[in-house]
Every structure is written in structure tokens, then in C-alpha cells.
Amino acid sequence: MELKNKLKKTLRNSIRLKADEKVPTVIGATRFGGKPDLPDGFEWCRYEGKNCEEKTKNRPLSFIAQFNLEEISKYDTEKLLPQKGLLSFFYDADIIGRGFDPNDSGCARVFWFEDINRIKPVEFPSDLREDFRYPPIGIRANSEDSYQDYPDFLLQKDKLLECWDDYDRAAKGLKINTPDNSSKLLGWADIIRGNMTVECELVYRGYSPSDGWDKVTPRDKQEAVQSSLKKWLLLFQTDTVENDGFKLMLGDFGRIYYYIRKEDLSAKRFDRVRLIMQCR
């Protein structure tokens, strides 16, 4: 009962996202894929990296999704997101960057366009491969309770939590049921491989996971473990998106997670978002 109550205290609001057969046609509508709505003069974001074929090239990012924040705000019960404008997400789906290095930050970008009346559909770059030009897919959103997943809850080193079974019993007591396919804004991440906030914090401090954590000072590691869950928020998590015979799948049934520090979200500094990619 005590462990269940501690898990209950981690409650956050999330905005669950599901594919909708109805595709919106108005400019600035919430949707996955399609041609993005962008302001005049926007320079399509690019990233230079090595793909799975070991080819290094400067490539345009794929457009993943956009959210009309005036539409979405009614589900944002904690009022964490801006209440107007368009929030747009891009990712290099060719490189499939995993966020293991500070230099990976360029493989994913997030933009907030405050004035939705100054945007219009923009053509894909000519050198963006056809398989990374995703068709438009509508989104149905709803507000949903979100609790810490096991790896995040485990980070608190609660003496009552000895194994997965302890967490599972507490989660079942709260009737927590995480769907196999899970895309959402805000809340807690539905984790595949392990906690990501410590990694985000250490990369923020200038460390590179690809070099190994043995170079991290004991003080920085301790502070990251103790504070990362409080400092970093899940902004957007996208899973496999399927509609009308099309499947947008990243990696091996993977998910991409866009994290942001609380202070940067409050300041609308979406250029400081950190991406992590995990596969099953």
C-alpha cells in the first residue's frame, strides 16, 4: 500500500495521441506527417551524419508531426505548453540518431511558431528521399493520467522497491495499463530500455555516453541521478503510427523521445530539446 501511494504521487497529465482516419486539410492543423506548415523564409533543418549504410551526408530532416496548441491546450491540464501557435517536430529518420552523443542534438529539431496566421504548406526538399516523406495522418487527442514507468521509479532508490514485481503490484493497484503502441505529449515516458533523464542531464553537462560514463565525476553523476527527474520533462513521444496501409516506424519498432528541461519549456526554448531513441 505504501509503495502504491508513492507511485500515485508521481501522477502527471499526458496527452495521448492516436491516428485518425480523418485527415485535416486546414493550415496549421494537428497531424502526423504531410507537408509541414511553416513561415516564409524558414530554412529546412538539415543534419550531417552517418546512416546505417555508413554513408556520411548532409541530409534534410524528416517532418514528424505538428500540433496546433490552441487545439491541444484543452488537454494540457497543467498548462505546460504555450497556449497558442504551432509546435513542429523534425527528425533524421535516415540516420536514426539515438542521442548517445552531444553532437546528436542536430538529428532532431523542434520549432514553435507563435503566429499561426503566418504559416503555409511548404514543399519537401528535393533531396529528401521519398520514403522519408510521410503522408498526412490525422490525430485524435485526449487527456490521460501518466505515472512513472519502472526505470524512472527505480531511480528514486525506494527501499520498498526490490524488484519489478513490487512495481507491477503497485501499478496494478492504480490500474495503470500502458498500451503497446504509445504516442503522447507530456507526462512520463513509456520506456523501452531504461531511464533517459540522467543521460539527458549528463549530456547537458557536456558528457558523452558514447565515451562511457567512467569519465563522469562522482559529484556530477550523483547530482544527475538525484535531480534529473525534476529537471527534465518528456515533451513528445512517438511510437509506430499506422493508417490506411501506411506505417511510420522508427528503428526496430522503436520510439523517439523529445525531452526538455522545465526551465527551457517555460522560456519556450525549444531549440534546447534533447532527443533519445530506443528500440525493442
C-alpha atoms as a PDB file:
ATOM      1  CA  MET A   1       0.000   0.000   0.000  1.00  0.00           C
ATOM      2  CA  GLU A   2       2.832   2.413   0.865  1.00  0.00           C
ATOM      3  CA  LEU A   3       4.592   1.777  -2.456  1.00  0.00           C
ATOM      4  CA  LYS A   4       1.308   2.254  -4.310  1.00  0.00           C
ATOM      5  CA  ASN A   5       0.809   5.627  -2.606  1.00  0.00           C
ATOM      6  CA  LYS A   6       4.340   6.725  -3.547  1.00  0.00           C
ATOM      7  CA  LEU A   7       3.726   5.753  -7.159  1.00  0.00           C
ATOM      8  CA  LYS A   8       0.416   7.616  -7.057  1.00  0.00           C
ATOM      9  CA  LYS A   9       2.268  10.804  -6.095  1.00  0.00           C
ATOM     10  CA  THR A  10       4.147  10.710  -9.419  1.00  0.00           C
ATOM     11  CA  LEU A  11       0.892  11.414 -11.284  1.00  0.00           C
ATOM     12  CA  ARG A  12       1.183  13.784 -14.238  1.00  0.00           C
ATOM     13  CA  ASN A  13      -1.150  14.657 -17.051  1.00  0.00           C
ATOM     14  CA  SER A  14      -0.326  13.445 -20.543  1.00  0.00           C
ATOM     15  CA  ILE A  15      -1.960  13.959 -23.921  1.00  0.00           C
ATOM     16  CA  ARG A  16      -2.474  10.601 -25.605  1.00  0.00           C
ATOM     17  CA  LEU A  17      -2.260  10.690 -29.416  1.00  0.00           C
ATOM     18  CA  LYS A  18      -3.911   8.212 -31.754  1.00  0.00           C
ATOM     19  CA  ALA A  19      -4.016   8.066 -35.523  1.00  0.00           C
ATOM     20  CA  ASP A  20      -7.303   9.291 -37.014  1.00  0.00           C
ATOM     21  CA  GLU A  21      -8.604   8.274 -40.422  1.00  0.00           C
ATOM     22  CA  LYS A  22      -9.908  11.797 -40.919  1.00  0.00           C
ATOM     23  CA  VAL A  23      -7.042  13.904 -42.257  1.00  0.00           C
ATOM     24  CA  PRO A  24      -7.347  17.638 -41.533  1.00  0.00           C
ATOM     25  CA  THR A  25      -6.858  19.929 -44.514  1.00  0.00           C
ATOM     26  CA  VAL A  26      -6.793  23.345 -42.854  1.00  0.00           C
ATOM     27  CA  ILE A  27      -3.459  25.089 -42.446  1.00  0.00           C
ATOM     28  CA  GLY A  28      -1.938  24.686 -39.005  1.00  0.00           C
ATOM     29  CA  ALA A  29      -3.961  21.601 -38.070  1.00  0.00           C
ATOM     30  CA  THR A  30      -2.648  18.964 -35.664  1.00  0.00           C
ATOM     31  CA  ARG A  31      -1.358  15.905 -37.552  1.00  0.00           C
ATOM     32  CA  PHE A  32       1.432  13.436 -38.162  1.00  0.00           C
ATOM     33  CA  GLY A  33       3.370  13.815 -41.404  1.00  0.00           C
ATOM     34  CA  GLY A  34       2.335  15.559 -44.596  1.00  0.00           C
ATOM     35  CA  LYS A  35       3.926  18.762 -45.834  1.00  0.00           C
ATOM     36  CA  PRO A  36       4.686  20.958 -42.829  1.00  0.00           C
ATOM     37  CA  ASP A  37       3.098  24.368 -42.378  1.00  0.00           C
ATOM     38  CA  LEU A  38       5.957  26.837 -41.988  1.00  0.00           C
ATOM     39  CA  PRO A  39       6.519  30.619 -42.059  1.00  0.00           C
ATOM     40  CA  ASP A  40       8.062  32.426 -45.021  1.00  0.00           C
ATOM     41  CA  GLY A  41      11.816  32.261 -45.047  1.00  0.00           C
ATOM     42  CA  PHE A  42      12.034  29.101 -42.961  1.00  0.00           C
ATOM     43  CA  GLU A  43      15.211  27.205 -43.822  1.00  0.00           C
ATOM     44  CA  TRP A  44      14.569  23.470 -43.738  1.00  0.00           C
ATOM     45  CA  CYS A  45      16.687  21.909 -40.992  1.00  0.00           C
ATOM     46  CA  ARG A  46      19.450  19.518 -42.002  1.00  0.00           C
ATOM     47  CA  TYR A  47      21.915  17.211 -40.273  1.00  0.00           C
ATOM     48  CA  GLU A  48      25.220  15.681 -41.336  1.00  0.00           C
ATOM     49  CA  GLY A  49      25.798  12.189 -40.042  1.00  0.00           C
ATOM     50  CA  LYS A  50      26.452   8.575 -40.919  1.00  0.00           C
ATOM     51  CA  ASN A  51      23.469   6.363 -41.746  1.00  0.00           C
ATOM     52  CA  CYS A  52      23.095   2.579 -41.467  1.00  0.00           C
ATOM     53  CA  GLU A  53      24.927   2.180 -44.788  1.00  0.00           C
ATOM     54  CA  GLU A  54      27.908   4.037 -43.281  1.00  0.00           C
ATOM     55  CA  LYS A  55      27.367   6.937 -45.669  1.00  0.00           C
ATOM     56  CA  THR A  56      28.012  10.405 -44.283  1.00  0.00           C
ATOM     57  CA  LYS A  57      25.987  13.141 -45.910  1.00  0.00           C
ATOM     58  CA  ASN A  58      24.240  16.393 -45.100  1.00  0.00           C
ATOM     59  CA  ARG A  59      20.555  15.429 -45.204  1.00  0.00           C
ATOM     60  CA  PRO A  60      17.246  17.200 -44.655  1.00  0.00           C
ATOM     61  CA  LEU A  61      15.344  16.050 -41.585  1.00  0.00           C
ATOM     62  CA  SER A  62      12.017  14.284 -41.915  1.00  0.00           C
ATOM     63  CA  PHE A  63       8.900  16.080 -40.762  1.00  0.00           C
ATOM     64  CA  ILE A  64       7.268  14.020 -37.988  1.00  0.00           C
ATOM     65  CA  ALA A  65       4.314  15.974 -36.609  1.00  0.00           C
ATOM     66  CA  GLN A  66       2.817  19.369 -35.839  1.00  0.00           C
ATOM     67  CA  PHE A  67       0.437  20.416 -33.073  1.00  0.00           C
ATOM     68  CA  ASN A  68      -1.980  23.322 -33.079  1.00  0.00           C
ATOM     69  CA  LEU A  69      -1.530  24.418 -29.478  1.00  0.00           C
ATOM     70  CA  GLU A  70      -4.860  26.215 -29.297  1.00  0.00           C
ATOM     71  CA  GLU A  71      -6.498  22.874 -30.154  1.00  0.00           C
ATOM     72  CA  ILE A  72      -4.235  20.899 -27.828  1.00  0.00           C
ATOM     73  CA  SER A  73      -4.416  23.287 -24.867  1.00  0.00           C
ATOM     74  CA  LYS A  74      -7.734  21.877 -23.633  1.00  0.00           C
ATOM     75  CA  TYR A  75      -5.941  18.575 -22.927  1.00  0.00           C
ATOM     76  CA  ASP A  76      -2.927  20.264 -21.307  1.00  0.00           C
ATOM     77  CA  THR A  77      -4.446  20.440 -17.829  1.00  0.00           C
ATOM     78  CA  GLU A  78      -1.161  21.518 -16.203  1.00  0.00           C
ATOM     79  CA  LYS A  79      -0.726  24.336 -18.751  1.00  0.00           C
ATOM     80  CA  LEU A  80       2.878  23.446 -19.532  1.00  0.00           C
ATOM     81  CA  LEU A  81       2.775  24.120 -23.277  1.00  0.00           C
ATOM     82  CA  PRO A  82       2.307  27.506 -24.949  1.00  0.00           C
ATOM     83  CA  GLN A  83      -1.414  28.153 -25.346  1.00  0.00           C
ATOM     84  CA  LYS A  84      -1.207  29.238 -28.972  1.00  0.00           C
ATOM     85  CA  GLY A  85       0.875  28.736 -32.079  1.00  0.00           C
ATOM     86  CA  LEU A  86       2.205  25.629 -33.800  1.00  0.00           C
ATOM     87  CA  LEU A  87       4.711  23.165 -32.339  1.00  0.00           C
ATOM     88  CA  SER A  88       6.564  21.213 -35.055  1.00  0.00           C
ATOM     89  CA  PHE A  89       8.864  18.194 -34.755  1.00  0.00           C
ATOM     90  CA  PHE A  90      11.581  17.039 -37.145  1.00  0.00           C
ATOM     91  CA  TYR A  91      13.918  14.019 -37.026  1.00  0.00           C
ATOM     92  CA  ASP A  92      16.577  12.438 -39.246  1.00  0.00           C
ATOM     93  CA  ALA A  93      14.826   9.137 -39.940  1.00  0.00           C
ATOM     94  CA  ASP A  94      17.666   8.066 -42.257  1.00  0.00           C
ATOM     95  CA  ILE A  95      20.409   8.410 -39.645  1.00  0.00           C
ATOM     96  CA  ILE A  96      18.085   7.218 -36.852  1.00  0.00           C
ATOM     97  CA  GLY A  97      20.098   9.156 -34.301  1.00  0.00           C
ATOM     98  CA  ARG A  98      19.913   7.747 -30.786  1.00  0.00           C
ATOM     99  CA  GLY A  99      21.091  10.743 -28.785  1.00  0.00           C
ATOM    100  CA  PHE A 100      24.175   8.996 -27.384  1.00  0.00           C
ATOM    101  CA  ASP A 101      26.440  11.953 -28.092  1.00  0.00           C
ATOM    102  CA  PRO A 102      26.128  15.740 -27.613  1.00  0.00           C
ATOM    103  CA  ASN A 103      26.616  16.093 -31.378  1.00  0.00           C
ATOM    104  CA  ASP A 104      23.438  14.080 -31.951  1.00  0.00           C
ATOM    105  CA  SER A 105      21.366  17.090 -30.950  1.00  0.00           C
ATOM    106  CA  GLY A 106      21.179  18.185 -34.593  1.00  0.00           C
ATOM    107  CA  CYS A 107      19.417  14.984 -35.669  1.00  0.00           C
ATOM    108  CA  ALA A 108      16.160  16.250 -34.155  1.00  0.00           C
ATOM    109  CA  ARG A 109      14.700  19.751 -34.057  1.00  0.00           C
ATOM    110  CA  VAL A 110      11.604  21.332 -32.559  1.00  0.00           C
ATOM    111  CA  PHE A 111      10.129  24.682 -33.586  1.00  0.00           C
ATOM    112  CA  TRP A 112       7.428  26.845 -32.064  1.00  0.00           C
ATOM    113  CA  PHE A 113       5.731  29.262 -34.441  1.00  0.00           C
ATOM    114  CA  GLU A 114       3.764  31.739 -32.368  1.00  0.00           C
ATOM    115  CA  ASP A 115       1.698  33.340 -35.152  1.00  0.00           C
ATOM    116  CA  ILE A 116      -0.278  30.609 -36.869  1.00  0.00           C
ATOM    117  CA  ASN A 117      -1.621  33.110 -39.396  1.00  0.00           C
ATOM    118  CA  ARG A 118       1.828  33.496 -40.944  1.00  0.00           C
ATOM    119  CA  ILE A 119       2.413  29.880 -41.940  1.00  0.00           C
ATOM    120  CA  LYS A 120       1.654  27.936 -45.098  1.00  0.00           C
ATOM    121  CA  PRO A 121       2.326  24.451 -46.550  1.00  0.00           C
ATOM    122  CA  VAL A 122       5.918  24.033 -47.709  1.00  0.00           C
ATOM    123  CA  GLU A 123       7.222  21.568 -50.275  1.00  0.00           C
ATOM    124  CA  PHE A 124       9.672  18.881 -49.216  1.00  0.00           C
ATOM    125  CA  PRO A 125      13.345  19.489 -50.088  1.00  0.00           C
ATOM    126  CA  SER A 126      14.227  17.923 -53.422  1.00  0.00           C
ATOM    127  CA  ASP A 127      16.911  15.743 -51.814  1.00  0.00           C
ATOM    128  CA  LEU A 128      14.600  14.291 -49.153  1.00  0.00           C
ATOM    129  CA  ARG A 129      14.080  10.647 -50.093  1.00  0.00           C
ATOM    130  CA  GLU A 130      10.541   9.583 -50.939  1.00  0.00           C
ATOM    131  CA  ASP A 131      10.405   7.026 -48.117  1.00  0.00           C
ATOM    132  CA  PHE A 132      11.027   9.840 -45.627  1.00  0.00           C
ATOM    133  CA  ARG A 133       8.195  11.999 -46.982  1.00  0.00           C
ATOM    134  CA  TYR A 134       5.366  10.804 -44.787  1.00  0.00           C
ATOM    135  CA  PRO A 135       1.703  11.158 -45.770  1.00  0.00           C
ATOM    136  CA  PRO A 136      -0.576  13.270 -43.568  1.00  0.00           C
ATOM    137  CA  ILE A 137      -2.320  11.387 -40.764  1.00  0.00           C
ATOM    138  CA  GLY A 138      -4.926  12.939 -38.505  1.00  0.00           C
ATOM    139  CA  ILE A 139      -4.588  12.829 -34.733  1.00  0.00           C
ATOM    140  CA  ARG A 140      -7.181  12.185 -32.034  1.00  0.00           C
ATOM    141  CA  ALA A 141      -6.042  13.510 -28.661  1.00  0.00           C
ATOM    142  CA  ASN A 142      -7.283  13.045 -25.138  1.00  0.00           C
ATOM    143  CA  SER A 143      -6.079  13.841 -21.628  1.00  0.00           C
ATOM    144  CA  GLU A 144      -4.772  10.833 -19.720  1.00  0.00           C
ATOM    145  CA  ASP A 145      -3.142  10.118 -16.346  1.00  0.00           C
ATOM    146  CA  SER A 146       0.543   9.220 -16.502  1.00  0.00           C
ATOM    147  CA  TYR A 147       2.712   7.633 -13.810  1.00  0.00           C
ATOM    148  CA  GLN A 148       6.432   6.961 -13.616  1.00  0.00           C
ATOM    149  CA  ASP A 149       7.480   3.866 -15.523  1.00  0.00           C
ATOM    150  CA  TYR A 150       9.564   1.281 -13.663  1.00  0.00           C
ATOM    151  CA  PRO A 151      13.065   2.583 -14.676  1.00  0.00           C
ATOM    152  CA  ASP A 152      12.169   6.143 -13.576  1.00  0.00           C
ATOM    153  CA  PHE A 153      10.528   4.975 -10.354  1.00  0.00           C
ATOM    154  CA  LEU A 154      13.524   2.729  -9.652  1.00  0.00           C
ATOM    155  CA  LEU A 155      15.797   5.771  -9.872  1.00  0.00           C
ATOM    156  CA  GLN A 156      14.366   7.018  -6.589  1.00  0.00           C
ATOM    157  CA  LYS A 157      16.013   4.028  -4.854  1.00  0.00           C
ATOM    158  CA  ASP A 158      12.982   3.400  -2.673  1.00  0.00           C
ATOM    159  CA  LYS A 159      13.759   0.714  -0.082  1.00  0.00           C
ATOM    160  CA  LEU A 160      10.296  -0.735  -0.599  1.00  0.00           C
ATOM    161  CA  LEU A 161      11.057  -1.378  -4.275  1.00  0.00           C
ATOM    162  CA  GLU A 162      13.153  -4.514  -4.522  1.00  0.00           C
ATOM    163  CA  CYS A 163      12.164  -5.814  -7.935  1.00  0.00           C
ATOM    164  CA  TRP A 164       9.854  -5.419 -10.927  1.00  0.00           C
ATOM    165  CA  ASP A 165       7.137  -7.455  -9.196  1.00  0.00           C
ATOM    166  CA  ASP A 166       6.861  -4.839  -6.434  1.00  0.00           C
ATOM    167  CA  TYR A 167       6.337  -2.096  -9.015  1.00  0.00           C
ATOM    168  CA  ASP A 168       3.923  -4.244 -11.006  1.00  0.00           C
ATOM    169  CA  ARG A 169       1.715  -4.839  -7.967  1.00  0.00           C
ATOM    170  CA  ALA A 170       1.660  -1.120  -7.172  1.00  0.00           C
ATOM    171  CA  ALA A 171       0.866  -0.263 -10.827  1.00  0.00           C
ATOM    172  CA  LYS A 172      -1.959  -2.798 -10.952  1.00  0.00           C
ATOM    173  CA  GLY A 173      -3.337  -1.303  -7.749  1.00  0.00           C
ATOM    174  CA  LEU A 174      -3.602   2.040  -9.582  1.00  0.00           C
ATOM    175  CA  LYS A 175      -4.955   0.274 -12.696  1.00  0.00           C
ATOM    176  CA  ILE A 176      -2.038   1.550 -14.777  1.00  0.00           C
ATOM    177  CA  ASN A 177      -2.182  -0.021 -18.226  1.00  0.00           C
ATOM    178  CA  THR A 178       0.410   1.122 -20.755  1.00  0.00           C
ATOM    179  CA  PRO A 179      -0.616   0.323 -24.356  1.00  0.00           C
ATOM    180  CA  ASP A 180       1.895  -1.454 -26.590  1.00  0.00           C
ATOM    181  CA  ASN A 181       1.719   1.438 -29.052  1.00  0.00           C
ATOM    182  CA  SER A 182       2.076   4.750 -27.296  1.00  0.00           C
ATOM    183  CA  SER A 183       2.450   8.251 -28.725  1.00  0.00           C
ATOM    184  CA  LYS A 184       1.851  11.258 -26.496  1.00  0.00           C
ATOM    185  CA  LEU A 185       2.726  14.754 -25.410  1.00  0.00           C
ATOM    186  CA  LEU A 186       3.895  15.384 -21.827  1.00  0.00           C
ATOM    187  CA  GLY A 187       3.511  13.009 -18.906  1.00  0.00           C
ATOM    188  CA  TRP A 188       6.070  10.286 -18.178  1.00  0.00           C
ATOM    189  CA  ALA A 189       7.859   8.337 -20.886  1.00  0.00           C
ATOM    190  CA  ASP A 190       6.778   4.782 -21.666  1.00  0.00           C
ATOM    191  CA  ILE A 191      10.286   3.357 -21.528  1.00  0.00           C
ATOM    192  CA  ILE A 192      11.695   0.532 -23.646  1.00  0.00           C
ATOM    193  CA  ARG A 193      15.307   0.256 -22.489  1.00  0.00           C
ATOM    194  CA  GLY A 194      15.911   2.327 -19.352  1.00  0.00           C
ATOM    195  CA  ASN A 195      15.804   5.743 -17.712  1.00  0.00           C
ATOM    196  CA  MET A 196      16.704   8.626 -20.039  1.00  0.00           C
ATOM    197  CA  THR A 197      16.656  11.722 -17.826  1.00  0.00           C
ATOM    198  CA  VAL A 198      20.081  11.001 -16.264  1.00  0.00           C
ATOM    199  CA  GLU A 199      21.554  10.710 -19.744  1.00  0.00           C
ATOM    200  CA  CYS A 200      19.891  13.986 -20.781  1.00  0.00           C
ATOM    201  CA  GLU A 201      21.317  15.749 -17.733  1.00  0.00           C
ATOM    202  CA  LEU A 202      24.839  14.392 -18.188  1.00  0.00           C
ATOM    203  CA  VAL A 203      24.862  15.303 -21.884  1.00  0.00           C
ATOM    204  CA  TYR A 204      23.628  18.758 -20.834  1.00  0.00           C
ATOM    205  CA  ARG A 205      26.686  18.925 -18.576  1.00  0.00           C
ATOM    206  CA  GLY A 206      28.957  18.115 -21.520  1.00  0.00           C
ATOM    207  CA  TYR A 207      29.465  14.370 -21.158  1.00  0.00           C
ATOM    208  CA  SER A 208      29.139  11.866 -23.983  1.00  0.00           C
ATOM    209  CA  PRO A 209      27.568   8.461 -23.235  1.00  0.00           C
ATOM    210  CA  SER A 210      29.427   7.016 -26.231  1.00  0.00           C
ATOM    211  CA  ASP A 211      32.695   7.657 -24.358  1.00  0.00           C
ATOM    212  CA  GLY A 212      31.481   5.714 -21.335  1.00  0.00           C
ATOM    213  CA  TRP A 213      30.262   7.058 -18.017  1.00  0.00           C
ATOM    214  CA  ASP A 214      33.617   6.353 -16.315  1.00  0.00           C
ATOM    215  CA  LYS A 215      34.662   9.910 -17.195  1.00  0.00           C
ATOM    216  CA  VAL A 216      31.751  11.403 -15.256  1.00  0.00           C
ATOM    217  CA  THR A 217      32.813  12.894 -11.937  1.00  0.00           C
ATOM    218  CA  PRO A 218      31.160  11.276  -8.892  1.00  0.00           C
ATOM    219  CA  ARG A 219      29.575  14.601  -7.991  1.00  0.00           C
ATOM    220  CA  ASP A 220      28.027  15.138 -11.446  1.00  0.00           C
ATOM    221  CA  LYS A 221      26.733  11.567 -11.538  1.00  0.00           C
ATOM    222  CA  GLN A 222      25.201  11.848  -8.082  1.00  0.00           C
ATOM    223  CA  GLU A 223      23.570  15.200  -8.871  1.00  0.00           C
ATOM    224  CA  ALA A 224      22.243  13.896 -12.201  1.00  0.00           C
ATOM    225  CA  VAL A 225      20.699  10.834 -10.553  1.00  0.00           C
ATOM    226  CA  GLN A 226      19.165  12.913  -7.760  1.00  0.00           C
ATOM    227  CA  SER A 227      17.829  15.795  -9.836  1.00  0.00           C
ATOM    228  CA  SER A 228      17.268  14.720 -13.452  1.00  0.00           C
ATOM    229  CA  LEU A 229      13.654  13.584 -12.935  1.00  0.00           C
ATOM    230  CA  LYS A 230      12.843  17.015 -11.517  1.00  0.00           C
ATOM    231  CA  LYS A 231      14.710  18.995 -14.169  1.00  0.00           C
ATOM    232  CA  TRP A 232      13.700  17.169 -17.365  1.00  0.00           C
ATOM    233  CA  LEU A 233      10.227  16.669 -18.843  1.00  0.00           C
ATOM    234  CA  LEU A 234       9.009  14.468 -21.637  1.00  0.00           C
ATOM    235  CA  LEU A 235       7.797  16.813 -24.364  1.00  0.00           C
ATOM    236  CA  PHE A 236       6.802  14.325 -27.069  1.00  0.00           C
ATOM    237  CA  GLN A 237       6.993  10.572 -27.510  1.00  0.00           C
ATOM    238  CA  THR A 238       6.150   8.974 -30.816  1.00  0.00           C
ATOM    239  CA  ASP A 239       5.666   5.284 -31.471  1.00  0.00           C
ATOM    240  CA  THR A 240       4.789   3.449 -34.683  1.00  0.00           C
ATOM    241  CA  VAL A 241       1.994   5.298 -36.479  1.00  0.00           C
ATOM    242  CA  GLU A 242      -0.265   3.278 -38.787  1.00  0.00           C
ATOM    243  CA  ASN A 243      -3.094   4.411 -41.023  1.00  0.00           C
ATOM    244  CA  ASP A 244      -4.674   3.242 -44.277  1.00  0.00           C
ATOM    245  CA  GLY A 245      -1.923   0.748 -45.093  1.00  0.00           C
ATOM    246  CA  PHE A 246       0.926   3.146 -44.200  1.00  0.00           C
ATOM    247  CA  LYS A 247       3.264   2.507 -41.285  1.00  0.00           C
ATOM    248  CA  LEU A 248       5.651   5.118 -39.874  1.00  0.00           C
ATOM    249  CA  MET A 249       8.079   3.009 -37.871  1.00  0.00           C
ATOM    250  CA  LEU A 250      11.352   4.342 -36.487  1.00  0.00           C
ATOM    251  CA  GLY A 251      14.065   1.752 -35.968  1.00  0.00           C
ATOM    252  CA  ASP A 252      13.062  -1.748 -34.875  1.00  0.00           C
ATOM    253  CA  PHE A 253       9.611  -0.887 -33.516  1.00  0.00           C
ATOM    254  CA  GLY A 254      11.307   1.929 -31.664  1.00  0.00           C
ATOM    255  CA  ARG A 255      10.179   5.150 -30.065  1.00  0.00           C
ATOM    256  CA  ILE A 256      11.726   8.581 -30.183  1.00  0.00           C
ATOM    257  CA  TYR A 257      11.503  10.771 -27.117  1.00  0.00           C
ATOM    258  CA  TYR A 258      11.939  14.536 -27.093  1.00  0.00           C
ATOM    259  CA  TYR A 259      12.975  15.755 -23.638  1.00  0.00           C
ATOM    260  CA  ILE A 260      13.241  19.341 -22.451  1.00  0.00           C
ATOM    261  CA  ARG A 261      14.331  20.982 -19.208  1.00  0.00           C
ATOM    262  CA  LYS A 262      11.478  22.585 -17.251  1.00  0.00           C
ATOM    263  CA  GLU A 263      13.126  25.998 -17.355  1.00  0.00           C
ATOM    264  CA  ASP A 264      13.552  25.809 -21.138  1.00  0.00           C
ATOM    265  CA  LEU A 265       9.925  24.798 -21.652  1.00  0.00           C
ATOM    266  CA  SER A 266       8.784  27.759 -19.550  1.00  0.00           C
ATOM    267  CA  ALA A 267      11.014  30.038 -21.624  1.00  0.00           C
ATOM    268  CA  LYS A 268       9.835  28.397 -24.886  1.00  0.00           C
ATOM    269  CA  ARG A 269      13.440  27.455 -25.735  1.00  0.00           C
ATOM    270  CA  PHE A 270      12.561  24.512 -27.936  1.00  0.00           C
ATOM    271  CA  ASP A 271      15.969  24.699 -29.607  1.00  0.00           C
ATOM    272  CA  ARG A 272      17.316  23.050 -26.436  1.00  0.00           C
ATOM    273  CA  VAL A 273      15.288  19.862 -26.749  1.00  0.00           C
ATOM    274  CA  ARG A 274      17.205  16.601 -26.292  1.00  0.00           C
ATOM    275  CA  LEU A 275      16.259  13.504 -28.302  1.00  0.00           C
ATOM    276  CA  ILE A 276      16.626   9.899 -27.186  1.00  0.00           C
ATOM    277  CA  MET A 277      15.765   6.919 -29.396  1.00  0.00           C
ATOM    278  CA  GLN A 278      15.100   3.433 -28.008  1.00  0.00           C
ATOM    279  CA  CYS A 279      14.296   0.177 -29.812  1.00  0.00           C
ATOM    280  CA  ARG A 280      12.730  -3.037 -28.633  1.00  0.00           C
END
